[in-house]
Amino acid sequence: MTGMETFLSKGGKSRCSPWRFKLTTAVKSQHYQGGKFFVYDPRDKKVSGPIFRGDVPVRTVERPEEVIFSADEVGYTEIRYGNPEEPQLARLVASSSPRPVN
């Protein structure tokens, strides 16, 4: 996991895992202008979403503090910043791999 940390989401009525990913403070403190954050699957070369606002899934968010997604939703996944209509050109800001199975 690069540029992300996990946390246990409290409250809400989500049917998803209570474990979520969010960007680290170092990644959030970088300069971002003119784009949107989105979840990207490099294997399929497409925006794979969702990012959660509370329990509401959305495709993109504008601020790094809003980047939160469910650990159940991911394999190897990237968070990118830029134009979600041209995801291959967007800036890679963080990545996540699946948790190992014990």
Protein backbone atom coordinates (compact mmCIF):
# COMPACT_ATOMS: atom_id res chain seq x y z
CA MET A 1 0.00 0.00 0.00
CA THR A 2 1.57 3.27 -1.07
CA GLY A 3 0.12 6.62 -0.08
CA MET A 4 -2.88 5.10 1.75
CA GLU A 5 -3.78 3.98 5.23
CA THR A 6 -6.64 1.84 6.52
CA PHE A 7 -9.13 2.77 9.18
CA LEU A 8 -12.25 1.29 10.73
CA SER A 9 -15.32 3.23 9.66
CA LYS A 10 -17.80 3.81 12.49
CA GLY A 11 -21.52 4.38 12.13
CA GLY A 12 -23.54 4.42 8.95
CA LYS A 13 -25.55 1.62 7.44
CA SER A 14 -23.16 0.47 4.74
CA ARG A 15 -23.36 -3.15 3.66
CA CYS A 16 -19.69 -2.94 2.73
CA SER A 17 -16.78 -3.83 4.95
CA PRO A 18 -16.22 -1.40 7.83
CA TRP A 19 -12.54 -1.26 6.75
CA ARG A 20 -11.80 1.65 4.47
CA PHE A 21 -8.77 3.17 2.75
CA LYS A 22 -7.90 6.87 2.81
CA LEU A 23 -4.94 8.90 1.61
CA THR A 24 -2.05 9.52 3.98
CA THR A 25 -1.37 12.99 5.34
CA ALA A 26 1.71 13.29 3.10
CA VAL A 27 -0.34 12.60 -0.03
CA LYS A 28 -3.19 14.88 1.09
CA SER A 29 -0.76 17.75 1.66
CA GLN A 30 0.47 17.79 -1.97
CA HIS A 31 -0.78 20.43 -4.41
CA TYR A 32 -3.77 19.46 -6.57
CA GLN A 33 -5.49 21.76 -9.07
CA GLY A 34 -7.95 21.32 -11.92
CA GLY A 35 -8.82 17.64 -11.65
CA LYS A 36 -10.74 15.04 -9.69
CA PHE A 37 -9.74 12.02 -7.63
CA PHE A 38 -11.00 8.62 -8.74
CA VAL A 39 -10.35 4.89 -8.29
CA TYR A 40 -8.63 3.35 -11.30
CA ASP A 41 -8.15 -0.32 -12.22
CA PRO A 42 -4.98 -0.54 -14.34
CA ARG A 43 -5.76 -4.11 -15.44
CA ASP A 44 -9.02 -3.03 -17.08
CA LYS A 45 -7.70 0.47 -17.86
CA LYS A 46 -10.87 2.12 -16.56
CA VAL A 47 -12.32 4.06 -13.66
CA SER A 48 -13.51 1.40 -11.26
CA GLY A 49 -15.02 3.45 -8.37
CA PRO A 50 -16.65 3.99 -6.00
CA ILE A 51 -15.36 6.54 -3.53
CA PHE A 52 -17.65 6.97 -0.52
CA ARG A 53 -19.12 10.16 0.90
CA GLY A 54 -20.32 8.61 4.13
CA ASP A 55 -22.27 5.63 2.78
CA VAL A 56 -23.05 7.24 -0.58
CA PRO A 57 -20.93 5.92 -3.46
CA VAL A 58 -19.70 8.53 -5.93
CA ARG A 59 -17.46 8.27 -9.01
CA THR A 60 -15.14 11.20 -8.25
CA VAL A 61 -14.30 13.70 -5.53
CA GLU A 62 -12.48 17.02 -5.71
CA ARG A 63 -10.57 17.16 -2.41
CA PRO A 64 -7.98 14.63 -1.18
CA GLU A 65 -9.69 14.43 2.24
CA GLU A 66 -12.74 12.97 0.49
CA VAL A 67 -10.88 9.95 -0.93
CA ILE A 68 -12.30 7.01 1.04
CA PHE A 69 -13.16 3.60 -0.37
CA SER A 70 -14.02 0.15 0.90
CA ALA A 71 -11.33 -2.49 1.29
CA ASP A 72 -13.82 -5.04 -0.10
CA GLU A 73 -13.94 -3.19 -3.41
CA VAL A 74 -10.28 -3.52 -4.32
CA GLY A 75 -7.72 -5.80 -5.87
CA TYR A 76 -4.63 -3.89 -7.02
CA THR A 77 -6.09 -0.43 -7.33
CA GLU A 78 -4.80 3.05 -7.95
CA ILE A 79 -6.07 6.44 -6.87
CA ARG A 80 -5.50 8.92 -9.66
CA TYR A 81 -5.97 12.65 -9.99
CA GLY A 82 -6.94 14.31 -13.23
CA ASN A 83 -9.65 13.87 -15.84
CA PRO A 84 -11.61 10.61 -15.28
CA GLU A 85 -12.54 10.68 -18.99
CA GLU A 86 -8.82 10.21 -19.77
CA PRO A 87 -7.69 8.06 -16.82
CA GLN A 88 -4.44 6.84 -18.41
CA LEU A 89 -3.18 10.45 -18.48
CA ALA A 90 -4.12 11.17 -14.85
CA ARG A 91 -1.54 11.47 -12.06
CA LEU A 92 -1.03 8.38 -9.88
CA VAL A 93 -1.25 9.53 -6.25
CA ALA A 94 -1.62 6.22 -4.33
CA SER A 95 -1.96 2.48 -4.85
CA SER A 96 -3.30 -0.49 -2.93
CA SER A 97 -2.84 -4.25 -3.12
CA PRO A 98 -5.20 -6.89 -1.70
CA ARG A 99 -4.55 -8.04 1.84
CA PRO A 100 -2.83 -11.43 2.07
CA VAL A 101 -5.04 -14.34 3.07
CA ASN A 102 -3.79 -16.17 6.18
